[in-house]
Protein backbone atom coordinates (compact mmCIF):
# COMPACT_ATOMS: atom_id res chain seq x y z
CA UNK A 1 240.69 88.08 225.53
CA UNK A 2 238.11 91.11 225.20
CA UNK A 3 235.54 89.52 227.68
CA UNK A 4 238.49 88.93 230.10
CA UNK A 5 239.54 92.74 230.03
CA UNK A 6 235.79 93.88 230.19
CA UNK A 7 235.46 91.64 233.26
CA UNK A 8 238.58 93.05 234.77
CA UNK A 9 237.46 96.65 234.45
CA UNK A 10 234.08 96.19 235.79
CA UNK A 11 234.59 93.45 238.25
CA UNK A 12 231.47 91.67 236.29
CA UNK A 13 231.87 87.89 236.36
CA UNK A 14 233.59 86.71 233.14
CA UNK A 15 230.55 84.41 232.33
CA UNK A 16 228.13 87.18 232.56
CA UNK A 17 230.21 89.00 229.89
CA UNK A 18 230.42 86.30 227.60
CA UNK A 19 226.87 85.58 227.77
CA UNK A 20 226.05 88.91 226.58
CA UNK A 21 228.46 88.18 223.73
CA UNK A 22 226.96 84.84 222.75
CA UNK A 23 223.82 86.77 223.01
CA UNK A 24 224.71 88.71 219.94
CA UNK A 25 225.44 92.02 221.66
CA UNK A 26 228.55 93.83 220.02
CA UNK A 27 231.48 94.66 222.29
CA UNK A 28 230.45 98.50 221.68
CA UNK A 29 227.14 97.81 223.18
CA UNK A 30 228.75 95.63 226.19
CA UNK A 31 231.32 98.61 226.65
CA UNK A 32 228.62 101.20 226.58
CA UNK A 33 226.67 99.25 229.07
CA UNK A 34 229.38 99.11 231.56
CA UNK A 35 230.49 102.85 230.92
CA UNK A 36 233.62 101.66 229.25
CA UNK A 37 234.95 104.21 226.71
CA UNK A 38 235.12 102.84 223.18
CA UNK A 39 234.92 105.14 220.33
CA UNK A 40 235.38 102.48 217.61
CA UNK A 41 232.61 100.76 215.80
CA UNK A 42 234.97 97.84 215.60
CA UNK A 43 237.92 96.70 217.74
CA UNK A 44 241.02 96.69 215.45
CA UNK A 45 242.41 93.40 214.23
CA UNK A 46 246.00 92.96 213.38
CA UNK A 47 246.57 90.20 210.52
CA UNK A 48 249.63 87.96 211.52
CA UNK A 49 250.80 85.34 208.97
CA UNK A 50 252.31 82.13 210.75
CA UNK A 51 254.86 81.92 208.05
CA UNK A 52 255.79 85.34 208.23
CA UNK A 53 256.09 85.03 212.03
CA UNK A 54 258.49 82.10 211.60
CA UNK A 55 260.47 83.97 208.95
CA UNK A 56 261.21 86.98 211.14
CA UNK A 57 261.78 84.96 214.13
CA UNK A 58 264.74 83.03 212.22
CA UNK A 59 265.96 86.27 210.65
CA UNK A 60 265.75 88.64 213.85
CA UNK A 61 266.28 86.02 216.67
CA UNK A 62 263.34 87.59 218.39
CA UNK A 63 260.67 85.42 220.12
CA UNK A 64 257.14 84.76 218.63
CA UNK A 65 255.64 86.81 221.28
CA UNK A 66 258.13 89.70 220.46
CA UNK A 67 257.31 89.49 216.54
CA UNK A 68 253.35 89.56 217.28
CA UNK A 69 253.93 92.55 219.55
CA UNK A 70 255.86 94.19 216.77
CA UNK A 71 252.91 93.71 214.45
CA UNK A 72 250.53 95.29 216.88
CA UNK A 73 252.87 97.91 217.57
CA UNK A 74 253.24 98.58 213.95
CA UNK A 75 249.75 98.76 213.37
CA UNK A 76 249.03 101.31 216.01
CA UNK A 77 251.88 103.74 215.00
CA UNK A 78 251.16 103.03 211.38
CA UNK A 79 254.72 101.73 210.64
CA UNK A 80 256.21 98.91 209.06
CA UNK A 81 256.62 95.64 211.13
CA UNK A 82 260.37 95.66 209.94
CA UNK A 83 261.10 98.92 211.41
CA UNK A 84 259.62 97.91 214.76
CA UNK A 85 261.45 94.63 214.66
CA UNK A 86 264.89 96.68 213.91
CA UNK A 87 264.21 98.89 216.78
CA UNK A 88 263.39 95.81 219.11
CA UNK A 89 266.72 94.12 217.97
CA UNK A 90 268.65 97.19 218.97
CA UNK A 91 267.36 97.22 222.42
CA UNK A 92 264.65 99.84 222.23
CA UNK A 93 262.05 99.91 225.20
CA UNK A 94 258.44 100.11 223.96
CA UNK A 95 258.04 103.57 225.24
CA UNK A 96 261.09 104.63 223.14
CA UNK A 97 259.65 103.20 220.00
CA UNK A 98 256.53 104.99 220.63
CA UNK A 99 258.01 108.26 221.23
CA UNK A 100 260.38 108.00 218.42
CA UNK A 101 257.51 107.34 215.81
CA UNK A 102 255.11 109.63 217.60
CA UNK A 103 257.78 112.34 217.44
CA UNK A 104 258.69 111.90 214.00
CA UNK A 105 255.09 112.12 212.82
CA UNK A 106 254.49 115.59 214.52
CA UNK A 107 257.73 117.12 213.45
C-alpha cells in the first residue's frame, strides 16, 4: 500500500518503487529520493487483533472497515478505540471526531 501511494504521488511506476523497496531501501530513503516529506524514521503501525475486531463488530453493529478505521483514528488522536467507535455509532463524521478530539486536547 505504501508503494502504491508513492507511485501515485510521484507518477513513478509501481514496479520501480517496489524494486527499490525490495532492494533494501527504507521507505524514508525512497520518499527522500522522490522529495516526499516524511519526518518519521519509521512509518506508524496500528495493531488490530482479529478477535477484538469481530467482538467490536458484533457489539457496535459497525463494519469491519469502520472498526479498523476507528483503530487508526484512535491511534492518530491518542484516544481509545471504544471512544471513537461510540462517536461513529452516534453518526459523527471523521472531521467531527478529529475536531472534537483536537479541541479537547488544546483547551
